[in-house]
Amino acid sequence: MIHKGDLILKKDLILKEDLMVVGNIMCKGGSWNIKAENIKAENIKARNIEAENIEAWNIVAWNIDAMNIDAMNIDAMNIEADNIDYHAVCFAYKNISCKSLKGRRKNHKHFVLDGEIRIKKAVGK
């Protein structure tokens, strides 16, 4: 699904395909969930985000579950991913669990407030 302009969610969005938004993904009248194969947008603000790959400038969510995340900044309650690649800041209020966590900016920061960062070992290692 390709959407030009901001995508305003008024309910949960569940797709069995890619979601590409030329604009922002935002919620109106509550915080909604997004589930798609792959998600690409300028900025994403939602309750829960689930996808194979997520690419955005800024991501704000309660929970993020993805294979790969590529973003400028990430703000979430919990992040579960294989690979997290961000520009400046990646933080979670509770936990970050991933195989790799990489900041691209020289002075990048990743942290959690009330939980832990857990780097998972690759299978077979």
N, C-alpha and C. Protein backbone atom coordinates (compact mmCIF):
# COMPACT_ATOMS: atom_id res chain seq x y z
N MET A 1 0.85 -1.17 0.00
CA MET A 1 0.00 0.00 0.00
C MET A 1 0.90 1.24 0.00
N ILE A 2 0.65 2.14 -0.90
CA ILE A 2 1.37 3.41 -0.96
C ILE A 2 0.37 4.51 -0.66
N HIS A 3 0.73 5.37 0.29
CA HIS A 3 -0.15 6.48 0.69
C HIS A 3 0.64 7.78 0.56
N LYS A 4 0.11 8.73 -0.21
CA LYS A 4 0.77 10.03 -0.37
C LYS A 4 0.15 11.02 0.59
N GLY A 5 0.98 11.70 1.35
CA GLY A 5 0.51 12.61 2.39
C GLY A 5 0.45 11.87 3.72
N ASP A 6 0.11 12.60 4.77
CA ASP A 6 0.03 12.00 6.09
C ASP A 6 -1.07 10.94 6.16
N LEU A 7 -0.77 9.83 6.81
CA LEU A 7 -1.74 8.76 7.04
C LEU A 7 -2.22 8.91 8.48
N ILE A 8 -3.48 9.25 8.67
CA ILE A 8 -4.07 9.44 9.99
C ILE A 8 -4.86 8.19 10.34
N LEU A 9 -4.40 7.46 11.35
CA LEU A 9 -5.09 6.23 11.77
C LEU A 9 -6.20 6.57 12.76
N LYS A 10 -7.38 6.00 12.53
CA LYS A 10 -8.50 6.14 13.45
C LYS A 10 -8.87 4.79 14.05
N LYS A 11 -8.13 3.76 13.63
CA LYS A 11 -8.29 2.41 14.17
C LYS A 11 -7.03 1.63 13.82
N ASP A 12 -6.91 0.41 14.32
CA ASP A 12 -5.75 -0.42 14.02
C ASP A 12 -5.64 -0.63 12.51
N LEU A 13 -4.40 -0.70 12.03
CA LEU A 13 -4.14 -0.95 10.61
C LEU A 13 -3.33 -2.24 10.50
N ILE A 14 -3.93 -3.25 9.87
CA ILE A 14 -3.26 -4.54 9.69
C ILE A 14 -3.24 -4.85 8.20
N LEU A 15 -2.05 -4.99 7.66
CA LEU A 15 -1.87 -5.27 6.24
C LEU A 15 -1.02 -6.52 6.06
N LYS A 16 -1.26 -7.24 4.99
CA LYS A 16 -0.43 -8.39 4.64
C LYS A 16 0.47 -8.00 3.47
N GLU A 17 0.86 -6.72 3.47
CA GLU A 17 1.71 -6.19 2.41
C GLU A 17 2.56 -5.06 2.99
N ASP A 18 3.39 -4.47 2.16
CA ASP A 18 4.22 -3.34 2.59
C ASP A 18 3.36 -2.09 2.74
N LEU A 19 3.79 -1.21 3.63
CA LEU A 19 3.14 0.09 3.82
C LEU A 19 4.19 1.16 3.60
N MET A 20 4.00 1.98 2.57
CA MET A 20 4.90 3.09 2.28
C MET A 20 4.08 4.37 2.33
N VAL A 21 4.48 5.29 3.20
CA VAL A 21 3.77 6.54 3.37
C VAL A 21 4.72 7.68 3.02
N VAL A 22 4.33 8.48 2.03
CA VAL A 22 5.10 9.66 1.68
C VAL A 22 4.56 10.78 2.57
N GLY A 23 4.97 10.76 3.81
CA GLY A 23 4.47 11.65 4.85
C GLY A 23 4.62 10.96 6.19
N ASN A 24 3.77 11.32 7.13
CA ASN A 24 3.83 10.80 8.48
C ASN A 24 2.69 9.82 8.75
N ILE A 25 2.90 8.93 9.70
CA ILE A 25 1.83 8.05 10.20
C ILE A 25 1.52 8.53 11.61
N MET A 26 0.27 8.94 11.83
CA MET A 26 -0.15 9.47 13.13
C MET A 26 -1.50 8.86 13.52
N CYS A 27 -1.83 8.97 14.78
CA CYS A 27 -3.09 8.44 15.30
C CYS A 27 -4.01 9.58 15.71
N LYS A 28 -5.31 9.38 15.47
CA LYS A 28 -6.31 10.36 15.88
C LYS A 28 -7.36 9.65 16.71
N GLY A 29 -7.73 10.24 17.83
CA GLY A 29 -8.77 9.65 18.67
C GLY A 29 -8.29 8.47 19.48
N GLY A 30 -7.00 8.35 19.68
CA GLY A 30 -6.44 7.23 20.45
C GLY A 30 -5.10 6.83 19.87
N SER A 31 -4.50 5.84 20.48
CA SER A 31 -3.25 5.28 19.98
C SER A 31 -3.58 3.94 19.33
N TRP A 32 -3.17 3.77 18.10
CA TRP A 32 -3.55 2.59 17.34
C TRP A 32 -2.32 1.74 17.02
N ASN A 33 -2.58 0.51 16.60
CA ASN A 33 -1.55 -0.46 16.27
C ASN A 33 -1.36 -0.52 14.76
N ILE A 34 -0.11 -0.77 14.34
CA ILE A 34 0.21 -0.93 12.93
C ILE A 34 0.92 -2.26 12.76
N LYS A 35 0.46 -3.04 11.80
CA LYS A 35 1.12 -4.30 11.46
C LYS A 35 1.16 -4.39 9.95
N ALA A 36 2.37 -4.57 9.40
CA ALA A 36 2.56 -4.69 7.96
C ALA A 36 3.84 -5.46 7.70
N GLU A 37 4.02 -5.90 6.46
CA GLU A 37 5.25 -6.61 6.11
C GLU A 37 6.46 -5.71 6.35
N ASN A 38 6.48 -4.56 5.69
CA ASN A 38 7.54 -3.57 5.83
C ASN A 38 6.88 -2.21 5.91
N ILE A 39 7.46 -1.31 6.71
CA ILE A 39 6.88 0.02 6.87
C ILE A 39 7.96 1.06 6.58
N LYS A 40 7.61 2.03 5.73
CA LYS A 40 8.50 3.14 5.43
C LYS A 40 7.68 4.41 5.49
N ALA A 41 8.13 5.37 6.32
CA ALA A 41 7.43 6.64 6.46
C ALA A 41 8.40 7.69 6.97
N GLU A 42 7.99 8.96 6.91
CA GLU A 42 8.85 10.00 7.46
C GLU A 42 8.91 9.87 8.98
N ASN A 43 7.78 9.96 9.64
CA ASN A 43 7.69 9.82 11.10
C ASN A 43 6.53 8.88 11.42
N ILE A 44 6.70 8.07 12.45
CA ILE A 44 5.66 7.13 12.86
C ILE A 44 5.37 7.35 14.34
N LYS A 45 4.09 7.52 14.66
CA LYS A 45 3.66 7.62 16.05
C LYS A 45 2.45 6.71 16.21
N ALA A 46 2.60 5.64 17.02
CA ALA A 46 1.53 4.66 17.18
C ALA A 46 1.71 3.93 18.50
N ARG A 47 0.71 3.13 18.87
CA ARG A 47 0.80 2.34 20.10
C ARG A 47 1.80 1.20 19.92
N ASN A 48 1.52 0.28 19.03
CA ASN A 48 2.40 -0.85 18.77
C ASN A 48 2.68 -0.93 17.28
N ILE A 49 3.93 -1.22 16.94
CA ILE A 49 4.34 -1.35 15.54
C ILE A 49 4.96 -2.72 15.37
N GLU A 50 4.48 -3.47 14.39
CA GLU A 50 5.02 -4.79 14.10
C GLU A 50 5.25 -4.91 12.60
N ALA A 51 6.51 -5.20 12.21
CA ALA A 51 6.85 -5.34 10.80
C ALA A 51 8.19 -6.06 10.68
N GLU A 52 8.45 -6.57 9.48
CA GLU A 52 9.77 -7.15 9.23
C GLU A 52 10.82 -6.05 9.28
N ASN A 53 10.59 -4.98 8.52
CA ASN A 53 11.54 -3.88 8.44
C ASN A 53 10.79 -2.56 8.62
N ILE A 54 11.38 -1.67 9.41
CA ILE A 54 10.80 -0.35 9.64
C ILE A 54 11.86 0.68 9.30
N GLU A 55 11.49 1.63 8.45
CA GLU A 55 12.41 2.72 8.09
C GLU A 55 11.66 4.03 8.24
N ALA A 56 12.19 4.92 9.09
CA ALA A 56 11.54 6.20 9.33
C ALA A 56 12.54 7.19 9.91
N TRP A 57 12.19 8.46 9.85
CA TRP A 57 13.05 9.46 10.49
C TRP A 57 12.94 9.31 11.99
N ASN A 58 11.74 9.40 12.52
CA ASN A 58 11.51 9.30 13.96
C ASN A 58 10.39 8.31 14.23
N ILE A 59 10.57 7.48 15.25
CA ILE A 59 9.57 6.49 15.64
C ILE A 59 9.25 6.70 17.11
N VAL A 60 7.96 6.86 17.42
CA VAL A 60 7.49 6.95 18.80
C VAL A 60 6.40 5.91 18.95
N ALA A 61 6.60 4.96 19.88
CA ALA A 61 5.62 3.89 20.05
C ALA A 61 5.75 3.28 21.44
N TRP A 62 4.70 2.56 21.84
CA TRP A 62 4.77 1.81 23.09
C TRP A 62 5.68 0.62 22.90
N ASN A 63 5.38 -0.19 21.89
CA ASN A 63 6.14 -1.40 21.63
C ASN A 63 6.47 -1.49 20.15
N ILE A 64 7.71 -1.87 19.86
CA ILE A 64 8.16 -2.06 18.48
C ILE A 64 8.70 -3.48 18.37
N ASP A 65 8.19 -4.24 17.40
CA ASP A 65 8.65 -5.60 17.14
C ASP A 65 8.98 -5.69 15.66
N ALA A 66 10.27 -5.83 15.35
CA ALA A 66 10.69 -5.82 13.95
C ALA A 66 11.95 -6.64 13.77
N MET A 67 12.20 -7.00 12.53
CA MET A 67 13.45 -7.66 12.20
C MET A 67 14.56 -6.61 12.14
N ASN A 68 14.34 -5.55 11.36
CA ASN A 68 15.32 -4.49 11.20
C ASN A 68 14.65 -3.13 11.37
N ILE A 69 15.31 -2.23 12.08
CA ILE A 69 14.81 -0.88 12.27
C ILE A 69 15.91 0.08 11.82
N ASP A 70 15.55 1.02 10.94
CA ASP A 70 16.48 2.04 10.47
C ASP A 70 15.78 3.38 10.67
N ALA A 71 16.30 4.20 11.59
CA ALA A 71 15.61 5.45 11.93
C ALA A 71 16.61 6.51 12.35
N MET A 72 16.13 7.75 12.38
CA MET A 72 16.93 8.84 12.95
C MET A 72 16.90 8.72 14.47
N ASN A 73 15.69 8.69 15.05
CA ASN A 73 15.52 8.61 16.49
C ASN A 73 14.39 7.66 16.82
N ILE A 74 14.55 6.92 17.92
CA ILE A 74 13.54 5.93 18.34
C ILE A 74 13.21 6.17 19.80
N ASP A 75 11.92 6.25 20.11
CA ASP A 75 11.42 6.46 21.47
C ASP A 75 10.30 5.44 21.69
N ALA A 76 10.51 4.50 22.62
CA ALA A 76 9.53 3.44 22.80
C ALA A 76 9.51 2.94 24.23
N MET A 77 8.43 2.23 24.58
CA MET A 77 8.38 1.55 25.87
C MET A 77 9.26 0.31 25.82
N ASN A 78 9.11 -0.52 24.77
CA ASN A 78 9.91 -1.73 24.57
C ASN A 78 10.27 -1.85 23.11
N ILE A 79 11.48 -2.29 22.84
CA ILE A 79 11.92 -2.52 21.47
C ILE A 79 12.46 -3.95 21.38
N GLU A 80 11.94 -4.72 20.43
CA GLU A 80 12.39 -6.09 20.17
C GLU A 80 12.73 -6.16 18.69
N ALA A 81 14.00 -6.41 18.37
CA ALA A 81 14.41 -6.42 16.97
C ALA A 81 15.65 -7.28 16.80
N ASP A 82 15.96 -7.61 15.56
CA ASP A 82 17.24 -8.24 15.27
C ASP A 82 18.30 -7.15 15.18
N ASN A 83 18.08 -6.19 14.29
CA ASN A 83 19.07 -5.14 14.06
C ASN A 83 18.44 -3.77 14.19
N ILE A 84 19.06 -2.92 14.99
CA ILE A 84 18.60 -1.54 15.17
C ILE A 84 19.73 -0.63 14.71
N ASP A 85 19.43 0.21 13.73
CA ASP A 85 20.40 1.15 13.17
C ASP A 85 19.75 2.53 13.26
N TYR A 86 20.33 3.44 14.04
CA TYR A 86 19.72 4.75 14.25
C TYR A 86 20.78 5.83 14.12
N HIS A 87 20.32 7.07 13.93
CA HIS A 87 21.25 8.18 13.74
C HIS A 87 21.75 8.74 15.06
N ALA A 88 20.83 9.26 15.90
CA ALA A 88 21.26 10.01 17.08
C ALA A 88 20.85 9.36 18.41
N VAL A 89 19.57 9.05 18.58
CA VAL A 89 19.08 8.58 19.87
C VAL A 89 18.15 7.39 19.70
N CYS A 90 18.36 6.37 20.53
CA CYS A 90 17.46 5.23 20.61
C CYS A 90 17.26 4.95 22.09
N PHE A 91 16.01 5.09 22.57
CA PHE A 91 15.80 4.78 23.98
C PHE A 91 14.45 4.13 24.19
N ALA A 92 14.41 3.34 25.25
CA ALA A 92 13.19 2.68 25.66
C ALA A 92 13.01 2.92 27.15
N TYR A 93 11.77 3.02 27.55
CA TYR A 93 11.49 3.19 28.97
C TYR A 93 11.79 1.90 29.73
N LYS A 94 11.50 0.75 29.09
CA LYS A 94 11.70 -0.52 29.79
C LYS A 94 12.87 -1.32 29.22
N ASN A 95 12.73 -1.89 28.01
CA ASN A 95 13.76 -2.80 27.52
C ASN A 95 14.04 -2.62 26.04
N ILE A 96 15.29 -2.92 25.69
CA ILE A 96 15.71 -3.06 24.30
C ILE A 96 16.34 -4.44 24.19
N SER A 97 15.86 -5.24 23.25
CA SER A 97 16.41 -6.56 23.02
C SER A 97 16.69 -6.70 21.53
N CYS A 98 17.95 -6.97 21.18
CA CYS A 98 18.31 -7.05 19.77
C CYS A 98 19.62 -7.82 19.60
N LYS A 99 19.94 -8.14 18.34
CA LYS A 99 21.22 -8.77 18.03
C LYS A 99 22.29 -7.72 17.79
N SER A 100 21.90 -6.57 17.24
CA SER A 100 22.86 -5.49 17.04
C SER A 100 22.17 -4.15 17.24
N LEU A 101 22.91 -3.21 17.81
CA LEU A 101 22.41 -1.87 18.14
C LEU A 101 23.50 -0.90 17.74
N LYS A 102 23.24 -0.11 16.67
CA LYS A 102 24.30 0.72 16.12
C LYS A 102 23.82 2.14 15.87
N GLY A 103 24.55 3.12 16.42
CA GLY A 103 24.29 4.52 16.15
C GLY A 103 25.22 5.01 15.06
N ARG A 104 24.70 5.84 14.14
CA ARG A 104 25.51 6.32 13.02
C ARG A 104 26.23 7.63 13.33
N ARG A 105 25.70 8.43 14.21
CA ARG A 105 26.32 9.71 14.56
C ARG A 105 27.46 9.45 15.55
N LYS A 106 28.52 10.25 15.47
CA LYS A 106 29.67 10.07 16.36
C LYS A 106 29.25 10.15 17.83
N ASN A 107 28.39 11.07 18.17
CA ASN A 107 27.94 11.28 19.55
C ASN A 107 26.53 10.71 19.75
N HIS A 108 26.31 9.47 19.34
CA HIS A 108 24.99 8.84 19.48
C HIS A 108 24.78 8.33 20.91
N LYS A 109 23.52 8.11 21.28
CA LYS A 109 23.19 7.59 22.61
C LYS A 109 22.07 6.55 22.48
N HIS A 110 22.24 5.43 23.18
CA HIS A 110 21.13 4.48 23.35
C HIS A 110 21.11 4.08 24.81
N PHE A 111 19.88 4.00 25.35
CA PHE A 111 19.74 3.71 26.77
C PHE A 111 18.31 3.30 27.09
N VAL A 112 18.14 2.72 28.28
CA VAL A 112 16.82 2.41 28.82
C VAL A 112 16.72 3.06 30.19
N LEU A 113 15.51 3.39 30.59
CA LEU A 113 15.31 4.04 31.88
C LEU A 113 15.09 3.05 33.02
N ASP A 114 14.22 2.07 32.81
CA ASP A 114 13.82 1.18 33.92
C ASP A 114 14.07 -0.29 33.66
N GLY A 115 14.80 -0.63 32.64
CA GLY A 115 15.01 -2.04 32.33
C GLY A 115 16.44 -2.29 31.92
N GLU A 116 16.60 -3.02 30.83
CA GLU A 116 17.95 -3.36 30.40
C GLU A 116 18.05 -3.44 28.88
N ILE A 117 19.27 -3.26 28.40
CA ILE A 117 19.59 -3.51 27.01
C ILE A 117 20.18 -4.91 26.95
N ARG A 118 19.55 -5.77 26.15
CA ARG A 118 20.01 -7.15 26.05
C ARG A 118 20.40 -7.42 24.60
N ILE A 119 21.67 -7.72 24.38
CA ILE A 119 22.16 -8.08 23.05
C ILE A 119 22.08 -9.60 22.94
N LYS A 120 21.22 -10.07 22.03
CA LYS A 120 21.01 -11.51 21.85
C LYS A 120 22.15 -12.10 21.01
N LYS A 121 22.56 -13.28 21.36
CA LYS A 121 23.59 -13.98 20.60
C LYS A 121 22.97 -14.54 19.32
N ALA A 122 23.74 -14.50 18.25
CA ALA A 122 23.29 -15.09 16.99
C ALA A 122 23.18 -16.59 17.16
N VAL A 123 22.25 -17.21 16.49
CA VAL A 123 22.05 -18.66 16.56
C VAL A 123 23.30 -19.36 16.05
N GLY A 124 23.76 -20.34 16.77
CA GLY A 124 24.93 -21.11 16.35
C GLY A 124 26.25 -20.53 16.81
N LYS A 125 26.22 -19.48 17.61
CA LYS A 125 27.48 -18.86 18.05
C LYS A 125 27.67 -19.07 19.52
